[in-house]
Amino acid sequence: MPIDPQLRPLLPFAHPPKVIDNPGLFREQTNQNNDMAFDTFGRPGPDIAERRVLRVGAVGEDVQAILYRPATAGPHPVHVYFHGGGWAINSAFSKDAEALSRHRCVHADCIVISVDYRKAPENPFPAPVHDALAVIDWVRDNGTQIGALPRATSIGGQSSGANIAAAATLALRDRGRDDIAHQLLEVPAPDLTFSRPREEGDDLPLSMTDVRTFTGLYVGDSGNRHDPLASPLLAPDLTGLPSAYIAVAEYDVLRGDGEWYAQRLRDADVPVELYVGGGHVHMSPSFTGLLASARDWQEAATAALRTANLRLRDAAR
């Protein structure tokens, strides 16, 4: 189908510079612009029973996260969420991350912990993966105190956040741990070597030039790009990973990578549901105040998480 006609007047988006000389200033300005855009195009999340900021010890320094609790009786499954932003911009405190966390908390009936992982280039790979593992360790160690349902933790993320979520899941499996029971990966970037053919997408909001810019901030030009914790798609073995829901946008330079990761998981006998957002570009699933199709995307992802949580509740009985 064609790009959603309500999106057409908004294209093309402003692209970031190819060289970001002052990452801190660029992050501050971009975050402000993204919050203003959300006020126009997004939809705030519902009320919840509790919202509190956590500080979790990680390798190098503490990392912040926000805990959201629903009003229903616990114990609850826990969903650990990683926002998008090219590993360099946005935060758990961004308006779109806040709205999404609240929506999943209420409508998937779970505790959501949104991680404000450290940002590149000041904190390059693998710092965000270490932050992810630290938060998952914290959930394991503090589950009783926060009212978490045992053995019922899922992980999710958008774009670069989905990359971090997939990497953390892979790292835990390699350590012989089964903390993660389900993955929810939206518009993921699972291959930072760009090993498959793809369109440059210069007329799209996210072009391959943009992807290369942000990837360079995260992993540089070193062999880190081939590390499975940077490029989970390149892991030689994906067996034993938890079930996954993967959502890709029809008009996204990363679409093929998400579809390829879904197929590799299927080939490893991992249960996978693949959702293709017709008419969407990379960022448009956040436009829930503007696009009915963005609300459909959000509801489908939340329904998949709710189904996974019901399965985990049944298993715990």
Protein backbone atom coordinates (compact mmCIF):
# COMPACT_ATOMS: atom_id res chain seq x y z
CA MET A 1 0.00 0.00 0.00
CA PRO A 2 1.19 3.62 -0.41
CA ILE A 3 2.62 5.67 2.43
CA ASP A 4 -0.22 6.75 4.72
CA PRO A 5 -1.66 9.87 3.03
CA GLN A 6 -1.74 11.73 6.36
CA LEU A 7 2.03 11.29 6.54
CA ARG A 8 2.73 12.67 3.07
CA PRO A 9 2.61 16.38 4.07
CA LEU A 10 5.17 15.69 6.80
CA LEU A 11 7.78 14.15 4.49
CA PRO A 12 10.67 14.49 4.28
CA PHE A 13 11.71 14.95 7.90
CA ALA A 14 14.81 16.98 8.75
CA HIS A 15 17.83 14.69 8.68
CA PRO A 16 20.62 14.92 11.24
CA PRO A 17 24.01 16.23 10.12
CA LYS A 18 26.43 13.62 8.82
CA VAL A 19 28.95 14.76 11.43
CA ILE A 20 27.67 15.67 14.91
CA ASP A 21 30.31 17.93 16.43
CA ASN A 22 28.57 18.56 19.76
CA PRO A 23 26.60 15.42 20.72
CA GLY A 24 25.32 16.86 24.00
CA LEU A 25 23.88 19.97 22.36
CA PHE A 26 22.49 17.94 19.45
CA ARG A 27 20.80 15.58 21.92
CA GLU A 28 19.30 18.41 23.95
CA GLN A 29 17.88 20.20 20.92
CA THR A 30 16.62 17.03 19.25
CA ASN A 31 14.95 15.81 22.43
CA GLN A 32 13.14 19.13 22.81
CA ASN A 33 12.00 19.01 19.17
CA ASN A 34 10.81 15.42 19.53
CA ASP A 35 8.78 16.26 22.62
CA MET A 36 7.16 19.19 20.80
CA ALA A 37 6.38 16.90 17.86
CA PHE A 38 4.77 14.40 20.21
CA ASP A 39 2.51 17.15 21.57
CA THR A 40 1.23 17.57 18.00
CA PHE A 41 1.22 13.99 16.70
CA GLY A 42 1.16 11.71 19.75
CA ARG A 43 -1.37 10.56 22.32
CA PRO A 44 -0.61 10.67 26.08
CA GLY A 45 -0.77 7.46 28.04
CA PRO A 46 -3.41 6.56 30.65
CA ASP A 47 -3.23 7.06 34.40
CA ILE A 48 -1.41 4.41 36.41
CA ALA A 49 -1.17 3.45 40.07
CA GLU A 50 2.52 4.28 40.54
CA ARG A 51 5.38 5.92 38.69
CA ARG A 52 8.80 6.16 40.30
CA VAL A 53 12.35 6.71 39.15
CA LEU A 54 14.90 4.01 39.94
CA ARG A 55 18.68 4.26 40.08
CA VAL A 56 20.39 0.98 39.25
CA GLY A 57 24.09 0.25 39.57
CA ALA A 58 25.67 -0.64 36.22
CA VAL A 59 29.18 -1.18 34.88
CA GLY A 60 30.84 2.24 34.93
CA GLU A 61 28.06 4.29 36.55
CA ASP A 62 24.45 4.14 37.69
CA VAL A 63 21.63 4.07 35.18
CA GLN A 64 18.15 5.51 35.68
CA ALA A 65 14.91 3.73 34.90
CA ILE A 66 11.24 4.52 35.44
CA LEU A 67 8.90 1.96 37.01
CA TYR A 68 5.19 2.05 36.06
CA ARG A 69 2.68 -0.05 38.02
CA PRO A 70 -0.93 -0.81 37.04
CA ALA A 71 -3.80 -0.50 39.49
CA THR A 72 -4.74 -4.19 39.24
CA ALA A 73 -3.84 -6.74 41.89
CA GLY A 74 -0.39 -8.31 41.61
CA PRO A 75 1.95 -9.97 41.36
CA HIS A 76 2.52 -8.71 37.81
CA PRO A 77 4.67 -9.72 34.87
CA VAL A 78 7.46 -7.20 34.19
CA HIS A 79 8.20 -5.62 30.81
CA VAL A 80 11.65 -3.99 30.48
CA TYR A 81 11.54 -1.36 27.74
CA PHE A 82 14.30 0.46 25.77
CA HIS A 83 13.41 3.60 23.83
CA GLY A 84 14.69 4.38 20.33
CA GLY A 85 16.90 7.22 19.16
CA GLY A 86 19.97 5.88 17.41
CA TRP A 87 21.66 5.07 20.75
CA ALA A 88 22.36 8.83 21.00
CA ILE A 89 19.12 10.77 21.52
CA ASN A 90 15.79 10.59 23.39
CA SER A 91 15.41 9.14 26.88
CA ALA A 92 13.09 7.18 29.12
CA PHE A 93 11.74 10.61 30.13
CA SER A 94 10.79 11.53 26.53
CA LYS A 95 7.07 12.05 26.03
CA ASP A 96 6.69 9.22 23.53
CA ALA A 97 8.50 6.73 25.80
CA GLU A 98 6.37 7.88 28.74
CA ALA A 99 3.12 7.45 26.79
CA LEU A 100 4.07 4.02 25.46
CA SER A 101 5.15 2.79 28.89
CA ARG A 102 1.88 3.90 30.45
CA HIS A 103 -0.16 2.30 27.65
CA ARG A 104 1.57 -1.06 28.00
CA CYS A 105 1.40 -0.92 31.79
CA VAL A 106 -2.38 -0.55 31.76
CA HIS A 107 -3.44 -2.45 28.65
CA ALA A 108 -0.98 -5.35 28.93
CA ASP A 109 -1.49 -5.39 32.74
CA CYS A 110 2.15 -5.46 33.74
CA ILE A 111 4.85 -3.51 35.52
CA VAL A 112 6.86 -1.60 32.92
CA ILE A 113 10.43 -0.55 33.60
CA SER A 114 11.62 1.97 31.00
CA VAL A 115 15.42 2.18 30.94
CA ASP A 116 17.25 5.47 30.44
CA TYR A 117 20.39 3.76 29.16
CA ARG A 118 23.59 5.76 28.69
CA LYS A 119 23.97 7.45 25.34
CA ALA A 120 26.58 7.34 22.59
CA PRO A 121 29.06 8.64 21.67
CA GLU A 122 30.00 9.47 25.27
CA ASN A 123 29.01 5.92 26.25
CA PRO A 124 29.49 3.72 23.18
CA PHE A 125 28.94 -0.02 22.75
CA PRO A 126 28.68 -2.05 24.91
CA ALA A 127 27.66 0.41 27.68
CA PRO A 128 23.89 0.34 26.85
CA VAL A 129 23.93 -3.47 26.82
CA HIS A 130 25.60 -3.43 30.24
CA ASP A 131 22.86 -1.07 31.42
CA ALA A 132 20.21 -3.46 30.12
CA LEU A 133 21.76 -6.41 31.94
CA ALA A 134 22.09 -4.38 35.14
CA VAL A 135 18.37 -3.53 35.10
CA ILE A 136 17.40 -7.14 34.41
CA ASP A 137 19.63 -8.21 37.32
CA TRP A 138 17.85 -5.61 39.47
CA VAL A 139 14.45 -7.03 38.51
CA ARG A 140 15.64 -10.52 39.41
CA ASP A 141 17.05 -9.38 42.76
CA ASN A 142 14.12 -7.11 43.71
CA GLY A 143 11.20 -9.00 42.26
CA THR A 144 9.51 -9.68 45.58
CA GLN A 145 9.77 -6.05 46.69
CA ILE A 146 8.22 -4.68 43.50
CA GLY A 147 5.52 -7.34 43.25
CA ALA A 148 6.90 -9.07 40.17
CA LEU A 149 5.54 -12.40 39.02
CA PRO A 150 8.47 -14.89 39.07
CA ARG A 151 9.82 -16.06 35.71
CA ALA A 152 7.58 -13.61 33.85
CA THR A 153 9.89 -10.89 32.52
CA SER A 154 9.64 -9.72 28.91
CA ILE A 155 11.86 -7.27 27.09
CA GLY A 156 11.08 -4.75 24.38
CA GLY A 157 12.38 -1.82 22.44
CA GLN A 158 12.06 0.35 19.38
CA SER A 159 14.76 0.82 16.73
CA SER A 160 18.10 1.14 18.58
CA GLY A 161 16.24 0.12 21.72
CA ALA A 162 15.17 -3.09 20.00
CA ASN A 163 18.82 -3.69 19.12
CA ILE A 164 19.74 -3.36 22.82
CA ALA A 165 16.85 -5.58 23.90
CA ALA A 166 17.79 -8.33 21.44
CA ALA A 167 21.45 -8.11 22.47
CA ALA A 168 20.63 -8.37 26.18
CA THR A 169 18.41 -11.39 25.52
CA LEU A 170 21.22 -13.06 23.59
CA ALA A 171 23.76 -12.27 26.32
CA LEU A 172 21.56 -13.78 29.01
CA ARG A 173 21.02 -16.96 27.01
CA ASP A 174 24.78 -17.28 26.54
CA ARG A 175 25.17 -17.05 30.33
CA GLY A 176 22.74 -19.90 30.79
CA ARG A 177 20.01 -17.67 32.18
CA ASP A 178 16.33 -17.75 31.31
CA ASP A 179 15.23 -14.41 32.77
CA ILE A 180 13.54 -13.25 29.56
CA ALA A 181 10.33 -15.04 28.60
CA HIS A 182 9.32 -12.93 25.57
CA GLN A 183 10.74 -10.28 23.21
CA LEU A 184 8.83 -7.38 21.62
CA LEU A 185 11.04 -5.76 18.97
CA GLU A 186 9.74 -2.83 16.90
CA VAL A 187 11.52 -1.46 13.79
CA PRO A 188 14.69 -3.22 15.01
CA ALA A 189 18.26 -2.64 13.82
CA PRO A 190 19.77 -6.11 14.31
CA ASP A 191 22.69 -5.84 11.82
CA LEU A 192 25.12 -2.94 12.20
CA THR A 193 27.42 -4.28 9.48
CA PHE A 194 24.73 -3.60 6.83
CA SER A 195 25.52 -6.95 5.26
CA ARG A 196 22.31 -7.29 3.27
CA PRO A 197 21.33 -5.17 0.24
CA ARG A 198 19.00 -2.29 1.06
CA GLU A 199 17.64 0.91 -0.41
CA GLU A 200 19.36 4.16 0.56
CA GLY A 201 15.97 5.69 1.34
CA ASP A 202 17.05 9.31 0.85
CA ASP A 203 13.38 10.30 0.47
CA LEU A 204 12.39 8.65 3.76
CA PRO A 205 12.57 10.13 7.27
CA LEU A 206 15.27 7.62 8.19
CA SER A 207 17.82 7.13 5.42
CA MET A 208 20.80 4.81 5.35
CA THR A 209 22.98 7.92 5.66
CA ASP A 210 21.25 8.60 9.00
CA VAL A 211 21.64 4.96 10.06
CA ARG A 212 25.36 5.06 9.28
CA THR A 213 25.76 8.31 11.23
CA PHE A 214 24.12 6.97 14.39
CA THR A 215 25.74 3.55 14.09
CA GLY A 216 29.14 5.24 13.85
CA LEU A 217 28.45 7.07 17.11
CA TYR A 218 27.59 3.77 18.80
CA VAL A 219 30.17 1.30 17.48
CA GLY A 220 32.65 3.44 15.53
CA ASP A 221 34.50 1.84 12.65
CA SER A 222 35.93 -1.06 14.61
CA GLY A 223 35.20 -4.76 14.56
CA ASN A 224 32.58 -4.14 17.24
CA ARG A 225 30.01 -4.07 14.44
CA HIS A 226 30.46 -7.83 14.00
CA ASP A 227 30.01 -8.60 17.71
CA PRO A 228 26.66 -10.40 18.14
CA LEU A 229 25.84 -8.02 21.01
CA ALA A 230 26.06 -5.17 18.48
CA SER A 231 24.55 -7.14 15.58
CA PRO A 232 22.32 -9.92 17.02
CA LEU A 233 21.41 -11.00 13.49
CA LEU A 234 25.00 -12.18 13.06
CA ALA A 235 24.95 -14.50 16.08
CA PRO A 236 25.85 -17.97 14.76
CA ASP A 237 23.19 -19.66 16.88
CA LEU A 238 19.78 -18.28 17.90
CA THR A 239 18.39 -21.46 19.42
CA GLY A 240 17.01 -21.27 22.92
CA LEU A 241 15.89 -17.64 22.68
CA PRO A 242 12.43 -16.69 23.94
CA SER A 243 9.42 -16.14 21.71
CA ALA A 244 9.35 -12.88 19.77
CA TYR A 245 6.93 -10.37 18.32
CA ILE A 246 8.69 -8.31 15.63
CA ALA A 247 7.07 -5.27 14.00
CA VAL A 248 8.49 -3.62 10.89
CA ALA A 249 7.35 -0.59 8.88
CA GLU A 250 6.60 -1.03 5.18
CA TYR A 251 8.64 2.04 4.12
CA ASP A 252 11.71 1.66 6.32
CA VAL A 253 15.29 1.01 5.26
CA LEU A 254 15.51 -1.39 8.26
CA ARG A 255 12.45 -3.42 7.25
CA GLY A 256 14.44 -6.21 5.64
CA ASP A 257 16.69 -6.60 8.67
CA GLY A 258 13.70 -7.10 10.95
CA GLU A 259 12.16 -9.63 8.57
CA TRP A 260 15.48 -11.44 8.26
CA TYR A 261 15.86 -11.62 12.04
CA ALA A 262 12.36 -13.02 12.32
CA GLN A 263 13.21 -15.71 9.76
CA ARG A 264 16.47 -16.60 11.50
CA LEU A 265 14.57 -17.02 14.77
CA ARG A 266 12.01 -19.24 13.04
CA ASP A 267 14.82 -21.31 11.56
CA ALA A 268 16.08 -21.77 15.14
CA ASP A 269 12.62 -23.03 16.20
CA VAL A 270 11.84 -19.86 18.14
CA PRO A 271 8.12 -18.90 17.97
CA VAL A 272 7.83 -15.60 16.08
CA GLU A 273 4.97 -13.31 15.10
CA LEU A 274 5.84 -10.76 12.40
CA TYR A 275 3.76 -7.61 11.99
CA VAL A 276 4.19 -5.41 8.90
CA GLY A 277 2.86 -1.88 9.40
CA GLY A 278 1.40 -1.01 6.03
CA GLY A 279 1.95 2.58 4.92
CA HIS A 280 4.30 3.33 7.83
CA VAL A 281 7.77 4.85 7.89
CA HIS A 282 10.34 4.28 10.62
CA MET A 283 9.08 6.89 13.11
CA SER A 284 5.36 6.98 12.34
CA PRO A 285 4.20 4.24 14.77
CA SER A 286 4.60 6.90 17.50
CA PHE A 287 2.08 9.21 15.77
CA THR A 288 -0.85 7.76 17.71
CA GLY A 289 -2.64 11.10 17.94
CA LEU A 290 -2.55 11.62 14.17
CA LEU A 291 -2.79 8.19 12.53
CA ALA A 292 -5.41 5.51 13.06
CA SER A 293 -2.85 3.08 11.64
CA ALA A 294 -0.37 4.07 14.38
CA ARG A 295 -3.02 3.30 16.98
CA ASP A 296 -3.60 -0.05 15.24
CA TRP A 297 0.16 -0.74 15.43
CA GLN A 298 0.25 0.14 19.14
CA GLU A 299 -2.81 -1.98 19.91
CA ALA A 300 -1.41 -4.98 18.02
CA ALA A 301 1.91 -4.82 19.88
CA THR A 302 0.18 -4.36 23.22
CA ALA A 303 -2.20 -7.24 22.48
CA ALA A 304 0.78 -9.48 21.73
CA LEU A 305 2.38 -8.50 25.04
CA ARG A 306 -0.91 -9.01 26.88
CA THR A 307 -1.22 -12.49 25.37
CA ALA A 308 2.35 -13.33 26.41
CA ASN A 309 1.61 -12.06 29.93
CA LEU A 310 -1.53 -14.20 30.19
CA ARG A 311 0.51 -17.22 29.14
CA LEU A 312 3.11 -16.43 31.81
CA ARG A 313 0.41 -15.98 34.46
CA ASP A 314 -1.08 -19.36 33.52
CA ALA A 315 2.35 -20.99 33.76
CA ALA A 316 2.88 -19.54 37.23
CA ARG A 317 -0.34 -21.03 38.63
